C-alpha atoms as a PDB file:
ATOM      1  CA  MET A   1      47.805  41.984 -65.396  1.00  0.00           C
ATOM      2  CA  ASP A   2      45.135  44.774 -64.497  1.00  0.00           C
ATOM      3  CA  LYS A   3      47.447  47.346 -62.703  1.00  0.00           C
ATOM      4  CA  ASN A   4      44.973  49.064 -61.222  1.00  0.00           C
ATOM      5  CA  ARG A   5      43.122  46.130 -59.499  1.00  0.00           C
ATOM      6  CA  ILE A   6      46.302  44.975 -58.281  1.00  0.00           C
ATOM      7  CA  ASP A   7      47.510  48.433 -57.417  1.00  0.00           C
ATOM      8  CA  LYS A   8      44.110  48.015 -54.926  1.00  0.00           C
ATOM      9  CA  GLN A   9      44.724  44.544 -53.540  1.00  0.00           C
ATOM     10  CA  PHE A  10      48.203  46.070 -52.319  1.00  0.00           C
ATOM     11  CA  GLU A  11      46.676  49.011 -50.823  1.00  0.00           C
ATOM     12  CA  PHE A  12      44.275  47.105 -48.685  1.00  0.00           C
ATOM     13  CA  PHE A  13      47.505  44.308 -48.066  1.00  0.00           C
ATOM     14  CA  ARG A  14      49.029  47.684 -46.577  1.00  0.00           C
ATOM     15  CA  GLU A  15      46.516  48.675 -45.067  1.00  0.00           C
ATOM     16  CA  ILE A  16      45.557  45.191 -43.275  1.00  0.00           C
ATOM     17  CA  ASP A  17      48.827  45.037 -42.064  1.00  0.00           C
ATOM     18  CA  LYS A  18      47.522  47.698 -39.174  1.00  0.00           C
ATOM     19  CA  GLU A  19      45.501  45.028 -37.453  1.00  0.00           C
ATOM     20  CA  LYS A  20      48.761  43.878 -35.887  1.00  0.00           C
ATOM     21  CA  PHE A  21      48.874  46.688 -33.581  1.00  0.00           C
ATOM     22  CA  ILE A  22      45.196  46.588 -32.109  1.00  0.00           C
ATOM     23  CA  GLU A  23      45.704  45.100 -28.699  1.00  0.00           C
ATOM     24  CA  ARG A  24      43.426  42.905 -27.400  1.00  0.00           C
ATOM     25  CA  GLN A  25      42.640  42.258 -23.579  1.00  0.00           C
ATOM     26  CA  THR A  26      43.703  38.603 -23.646  1.00  0.00           C
ATOM     27  CA  TYR A  27      47.397  37.913 -22.675  1.00  0.00           C
ATOM     28  CA  LEU A  28      49.253  35.622 -24.648  1.00  0.00           C
ATOM     29  CA  THR A  29      50.168  32.746 -22.171  1.00  0.00           C
ATOM     30  CA  GLY A  30      52.807  33.630 -19.593  1.00  0.00           C
ATOM     31  CA  ALA A  31      51.055  36.572 -19.390  1.00  0.00           C
ATOM     32  CA  LYS A  32      53.904  39.183 -20.284  1.00  0.00           C
ATOM     33  CA  ARG A  33      51.872  40.905 -23.079  1.00  0.00           C
ATOM     34  CA  LYS A  34      48.799  41.029 -24.614  1.00  0.00           C
ATOM     35  CA  GLU A  35      47.763  39.645 -27.920  1.00  0.00           C
ATOM     36  CA  ASN A  36      47.095  41.590 -31.218  1.00  0.00           C
ATOM     37  CA  ASP A  37      44.115  41.300 -33.705  1.00  0.00           C
ATOM     38  CA  ALA A  38      46.160  39.473 -36.085  1.00  0.00           C
ATOM     39  CA  GLU A  39      47.403  36.945 -33.415  1.00  0.00           C
ATOM     40  CA  HIS A  40      44.162  36.546 -31.877  1.00  0.00           C
ATOM     41  CA  ALA A  41      42.748  35.446 -36.000  1.00  0.00           C
ATOM     42  CA  TRP A  42      45.663  33.411 -36.629  1.00  0.00           C
ATOM     43  CA  HIS A  43      45.340  30.925 -33.389  1.00  0.00           C
ATOM     44  CA  MET A  44      41.253  30.741 -34.433  1.00  0.00           C
ATOM     45  CA  THR A  45      42.078  29.766 -37.579  1.00  0.00           C
ATOM     46  CA  ILE A  46      44.561  26.674 -36.723  1.00  0.00           C
ATOM     47  CA  MET A  47      41.858  25.763 -34.088  1.00  0.00           C
ATOM     48  CA  THR A  48      39.381  25.712 -36.132  1.00  0.00           C
ATOM     49  CA  PHE A  49      41.816  23.601 -38.554  1.00  0.00           C
ATOM     50  CA  LEU A  50      42.027  21.360 -35.991  1.00  0.00           C
ATOM     51  CA  LEU A  51      38.989  21.328 -33.862  1.00  0.00           C
ATOM     52  CA  SER A  52      36.282  21.671 -36.983  1.00  0.00           C
ATOM     53  CA  GLU A  53      35.239  17.876 -36.132  1.00  0.00           C
ATOM     54  CA  TYR A  54      33.856  19.009 -33.224  1.00  0.00           C
ATOM     55  CA  ALA A  55      31.111  21.110 -35.034  1.00  0.00           C
ATOM     56  CA  ASN A  56      27.317  20.390 -33.831  1.00  0.00           C
ATOM     57  CA  GLU A  57      27.090  20.175 -38.122  1.00  0.00           C
ATOM     58  CA  GLU A  58      29.677  19.854 -40.871  1.00  0.00           C
ATOM     59  CA  ILE A  59      31.211  23.100 -41.684  1.00  0.00           C
ATOM     60  CA  ASP A  60      32.490  24.344 -44.708  1.00  0.00           C
ATOM     61  CA  VAL A  61      35.895  24.795 -42.855  1.00  0.00           C
ATOM     62  CA  LEU A  62      38.038  26.960 -45.231  1.00  0.00           C
ATOM     63  CA  LYS A  63      35.098  29.296 -45.496  1.00  0.00           C
ATOM     64  CA  THR A  64      34.922  29.165 -41.604  1.00  0.00           C
ATOM     65  CA  ILE A  65      38.715  30.589 -41.570  1.00  0.00           C
ATOM     66  CA  LYS A  66      38.104  33.084 -44.010  1.00  0.00           C
ATOM     67  CA  MET A  67      35.471  34.384 -41.646  1.00  0.00           C
ATOM     68  CA  LEU A  68      37.953  34.263 -38.473  1.00  0.00           C
ATOM     69  CA  LEU A  69      40.832  36.096 -41.013  1.00  0.00           C
ATOM     70  CA  ILE A  70      38.659  38.487 -42.007  1.00  0.00           C
ATOM     71  CA  HIS A  71      36.317  39.347 -38.871  1.00  0.00           C
ATOM     72  CA  ASP A  72      38.281  41.985 -36.699  1.00  0.00           C
ATOM     73  CA  ILE A  73      40.082  43.745 -39.989  1.00  0.00           C
ATOM     74  CA  VAL A  74      37.285  46.345 -38.786  1.00  0.00           C
ATOM     75  CA  GLU A  75      39.072  46.521 -35.624  1.00  0.00           C
ATOM     76  CA  ILE A  76      41.793  49.009 -37.225  1.00  0.00           C
ATOM     77  CA  ASP A  77      39.229  51.748 -37.616  1.00  0.00           C
ATOM     78  CA  ALA A  78      36.686  51.055 -34.612  1.00  0.00           C
ATOM     79  CA  GLY A  79      39.292  50.117 -32.191  1.00  0.00           C
ATOM     80  CA  ASP A  80      39.124  46.349 -30.265  1.00  0.00           C
ATOM     81  CA  THR A  81      35.708  46.585 -28.063  1.00  0.00           C
ATOM     82  CA  PHE A  82      36.146  44.683 -24.940  1.00  0.00           C
ATOM     83  CA  ALA A  83      33.551  41.932 -24.395  1.00  0.00           C
ATOM     84  CA  TYR A  84      32.754  43.067 -21.197  1.00  0.00           C
ATOM     85  CA  ASP A  85      33.040  46.624 -22.478  1.00  0.00           C
ATOM     86  CA  LYS A  86      28.993  47.905 -22.058  1.00  0.00           C
ATOM     87  CA  GLU A  87      29.479  51.383 -23.057  1.00  0.00           C
ATOM     88  CA  GLY A  88      31.621  50.347 -26.289  1.00  0.00           C
ATOM     89  CA  GLN A  89      29.115  47.961 -26.965  1.00  0.00           C
ATOM     90  CA  LYS A  90      26.357  50.639 -27.521  1.00  0.00           C
ATOM     91  CA  THR A  91      28.156  52.016 -30.399  1.00  0.00           C
ATOM     92  CA  GLN A  92      30.395  48.894 -31.769  1.00  0.00           C
ATOM     93  CA  ARG A  93      27.892  48.247 -34.674  1.00  0.00           C
ATOM     94  CA  GLU A  94      28.352  51.408 -35.974  1.00  0.00           C
ATOM     95  CA  ARG A  95      31.541  51.790 -36.293  1.00  0.00           C
ATOM     96  CA  GLU A  96      32.610  48.494 -37.182  1.00  0.00           C
ATOM     97  CA  GLU A  97      29.801  48.967 -40.126  1.00  0.00           C
ATOM     98  CA  LYS A  98      31.596  52.218 -41.084  1.00  0.00           C
ATOM     99  CA  ALA A  99      34.835  50.601 -41.163  1.00  0.00           C
ATOM    100  CA  ALA A 100      33.937  47.717 -43.147  1.00  0.00           C
ATOM    101  CA  LYS A 101      32.671  50.055 -45.619  1.00  0.00           C
ATOM    102  CA  ARG A 102      35.727  51.708 -46.217  1.00  0.00           C
ATOM    103  CA  ILE A 103      38.552  48.750 -45.504  1.00  0.00           C
ATOM    104  CA  PHE A 104      36.710  46.134 -48.008  1.00  0.00           C
ATOM    105  CA  GLY A 105      36.293  49.279 -50.030  1.00  0.00           C
ATOM    106  CA  LEU A 106      40.024  49.343 -50.877  1.00  0.00           C
ATOM    107  CA  LEU A 107      40.063  46.153 -52.879  1.00  0.00           C
ATOM    108  CA  PRO A 108      38.322  45.572 -56.594  1.00  0.00           C
ATOM    109  CA  SER A 109      34.786  45.835 -56.426  1.00  0.00           C
ATOM    110  CA  ASP A 110      34.103  41.993 -56.661  1.00  0.00           C
ATOM    111  CA  GLN A 111      36.472  41.248 -53.921  1.00  0.00           C
ATOM    112  CA  GLY A 112      35.374  43.886 -51.155  1.00  0.00           C
ATOM    113  CA  GLU A 113      32.338  43.050 -51.919  1.00  0.00           C
ATOM    114  CA  LYS A 114      32.631  39.242 -50.796  1.00  0.00           C
ATOM    115  CA  LEU A 115      35.169  39.929 -47.947  1.00  0.00           C
ATOM    116  CA  MET A 116      31.894  42.500 -46.803  1.00  0.00           C
ATOM    117  CA  ASP A 117      29.563  39.854 -47.600  1.00  0.00           C
ATOM    118  CA  LEU A 118      31.233  36.819 -45.453  1.00  0.00           C
ATOM    119  CA  TRP A 119      32.113  39.622 -42.594  1.00  0.00           C
ATOM    120  CA  GLN A 120      28.179  40.544 -42.428  1.00  0.00           C
ATOM    121  CA  GLU A 121      27.255  36.705 -42.051  1.00  0.00           C
ATOM    122  CA  PHE A 122      29.863  36.572 -39.575  1.00  0.00           C
ATOM    123  CA  GLU A 123      28.068  39.394 -37.779  1.00  0.00           C
ATOM    124  CA  GLU A 124      24.446  37.903 -38.066  1.00  0.00           C
ATOM    125  CA  GLY A 125      26.076  34.314 -36.973  1.00  0.00           C
ATOM    126  CA  GLU A 126      23.080  32.797 -38.749  1.00  0.00           C
ATOM    127  CA  THR A 127      25.404  30.062 -40.607  1.00  0.00           C
ATOM    128  CA  LYS A 128      26.973  26.855 -39.058  1.00  0.00           C
ATOM    129  CA  GLU A 129      29.958  28.390 -40.442  1.00  0.00           C
ATOM    130  CA  ALA A 130      29.026  31.750 -38.937  1.00  0.00           C
ATOM    131  CA  ARG A 131      27.932  29.667 -35.203  1.00  0.00           C
ATOM    132  CA  PHE A 132      31.199  27.697 -35.187  1.00  0.00           C
ATOM    133  CA  ALA A 133      33.891  31.244 -35.792  1.00  0.00           C
ATOM    134  CA  HIS A 134      32.158  32.605 -33.190  1.00  0.00           C
ATOM    135  CA  THR A 135      32.418  29.816 -30.733  1.00  0.00           C
ATOM    136  CA  MET A 136      36.290  29.732 -32.022  1.00  0.00           C
ATOM    137  CA  ASP A 137      36.113  33.376 -31.116  1.00  0.00           C
ATOM    138  CA  ASN A 138      35.058  33.287 -27.557  1.00  0.00           C
ATOM    139  CA  ILE A 139      36.917  30.134 -26.669  1.00  0.00           C
ATOM    140  CA  GLN A 140      40.346  31.089 -28.109  1.00  0.00           C
ATOM    141  CA  PRO A 141      40.284  34.051 -25.422  1.00  0.00           C
ATOM    142  CA  MET A 142      38.925  32.182 -22.914  1.00  0.00           C
ATOM    143  CA  MET A 143      41.584  29.362 -22.924  1.00  0.00           C
ATOM    144  CA  LEU A 144      44.216  32.351 -22.902  1.00  0.00           C
ATOM    145  CA  ASN A 145      42.649  33.601 -19.780  1.00  0.00           C
ATOM    146  CA  ALA A 146      42.720  30.641 -18.097  1.00  0.00           C
ATOM    147  CA  ALA A 147      45.910  29.980 -19.206  1.00  0.00           C
ATOM    148  CA  ASN A 148      47.045  32.779 -17.488  1.00  0.00           C
ATOM    149  CA  ASP A 149      45.207  32.210 -13.716  1.00  0.00           C
ATOM    150  CA  GLY A 150      42.543  34.631 -14.968  1.00  0.00           C
ATOM    151  CA  LYS A 151      44.602  37.235 -15.507  1.00  0.00           C
ATOM    152  CA  SER A 152      42.051  39.226 -17.852  1.00  0.00           C
ATOM    153  CA  TRP A 153      39.145  38.325 -15.760  1.00  0.00           C
ATOM    154  CA  GLN A 154      40.758  39.733 -12.768  1.00  0.00           C
ATOM    155  CA  GLU A 155      41.537  43.031 -14.207  1.00  0.00           C
ATOM    156  CA  TRP A 156      38.283  43.355 -15.295  1.00  0.00           C
ATOM    157  CA  GLY A 157      36.394  41.608 -11.778  1.00  0.00           C
ATOM    158  CA  VAL A 158      34.477  40.448 -15.065  1.00  0.00           C
ATOM    159  CA  LYS A 159      31.833  37.839 -13.040  1.00  0.00           C
ATOM    160  CA  LEU A 160      30.660  34.438 -13.848  1.00  0.00           C
ATOM    161  CA  ASP A 161      27.404  35.296 -15.122  1.00  0.00           C
ATOM    162  CA  GLN A 162      28.840  37.374 -17.423  1.00  0.00           C
ATOM    163  CA  ILE A 163      30.751  34.944 -18.642  1.00  0.00           C
ATOM    164  CA  LEU A 164      27.900  32.836 -18.877  1.00  0.00           C
ATOM    165  CA  ASN A 165      25.833  35.396 -20.857  1.00  0.00           C
ATOM    166  CA  ARG A 166      28.573  36.384 -23.305  1.00  0.00           C
ATOM    167  CA  ASN A 167      28.771  32.839 -24.626  1.00  0.00           C
ATOM    168  CA  LYS A 168      25.071  32.104 -24.627  1.00  0.00           C
ATOM    169  CA  ASN A 169      25.513  31.407 -27.919  1.00  0.00           C
ATOM    170  CA  THR A 170      28.915  29.200 -27.780  1.00  0.00           C
ATOM    171  CA  SER A 171      26.877  26.112 -28.102  1.00  0.00           C
ATOM    172  CA  LYS A 172      25.825  26.780 -31.065  1.00  0.00           C
ATOM    173  CA  GLY A 173      28.703  25.648 -33.095  1.00  0.00           C
ATOM    174  CA  SER A 174      29.893  23.214 -30.584  1.00  0.00           C
ATOM    175  CA  GLU A 175      28.397  21.898 -27.692  1.00  0.00           C
ATOM    176  CA  VAL A 176      31.175  19.746 -26.852  1.00  0.00           C
ATOM    177  CA  LEU A 177      33.731  22.554 -27.311  1.00  0.00           C
ATOM    178  CA  TRP A 178      31.573  24.370 -25.001  1.00  0.00           C
ATOM    179  CA  ASP A 179      31.181  21.721 -22.523  1.00  0.00           C
ATOM    180  CA  TYR A 180      35.138  21.766 -22.688  1.00  0.00           C
ATOM    181  CA  ALA A 181      35.774  25.220 -21.728  1.00  0.00           C
ATOM    182  CA  TYR A 182      33.200  25.628 -18.917  1.00  0.00           C
ATOM    183  CA  ASN A 183      34.932  22.439 -17.590  1.00  0.00           C
ATOM    184  CA  ASN A 184      38.265  23.032 -17.846  1.00  0.00           C
ATOM    185  CA  PHE A 185      38.609  26.935 -18.647  1.00  0.00           C
ATOM    186  CA  ILE A 186      35.525  28.634 -16.196  1.00  0.00           C
ATOM    187  CA  LEU A 187      34.773  26.710 -13.633  1.00  0.00           C
ATOM    188  CA  PRO A 188      38.590  25.777 -12.103  1.00  0.00           C
ATOM    189  CA  ASN A 189      38.838  29.664 -11.874  1.00  0.00           C
ATOM    190  CA  VAL A 190      35.258  29.678 -10.393  1.00  0.00           C
ATOM    191  CA  GLU A 191      36.951  27.334  -7.659  1.00  0.00           C
ATOM    192  CA  LYS A 192      40.132  29.291  -7.529  1.00  0.00           C
ATOM    193  CA  GLY A 193      38.199  32.449  -6.587  1.00  0.00           C
ATOM    194  CA  ARG A 194      39.415  34.481  -9.979  1.00  0.00           C
ATOM    195  CA  ILE A 195      36.251  34.870 -11.256  1.00  0.00           C
ATOM    196  CA  ASN A 196      33.371  35.793  -9.040  1.00  0.00           C
ATOM    197  CA  SER A 197      30.527  33.668  -8.823  1.00  0.00           C
ATOM    198  CA  GLU A 198      28.057  36.144  -7.125  1.00  0.00           C
ATOM    199  CA  GLU A 199      25.919  38.044  -9.253  1.00  0.00           C
END
């Protein structure tokens, strides 16, 4: 056993425990509290395992799950940037790059480089796995918003055009899931006035 290596791995495990404290803007079903990043990641990985049959192309499910498990770890340093926070988005990439280098840098270099590569692949969104991961990352909070009568959408005054712009690439991972989400999560909330459809 390489003690230095295993020490680094456990240092990383302790550090990522902080992800459980990163609160998102999405409420858990029942709207009693907001979910944290770790809960978000867990939820999406189960969704990926069970919904991968609807991917536009056959994907490496394990690779996609790995992406989803690590993609928000950077928010330990960078904080959660809400999907509709235009100001926060201006510095998001810079903050997250810096965080990725520090946090993945805690690991032995071979593992740190693998996680950094996987994180960058997700961020670039070009591979079929990254595209499907982005679909999950967009649809999971949408599902919870719909389950809570559009609570977050209403609190932030989110408009339909903002949601559509945010989801302009969601169909690239799965046309079936985007169509389902649009018709079952978005449209009913527009019809009930929970999402403002006026520009």
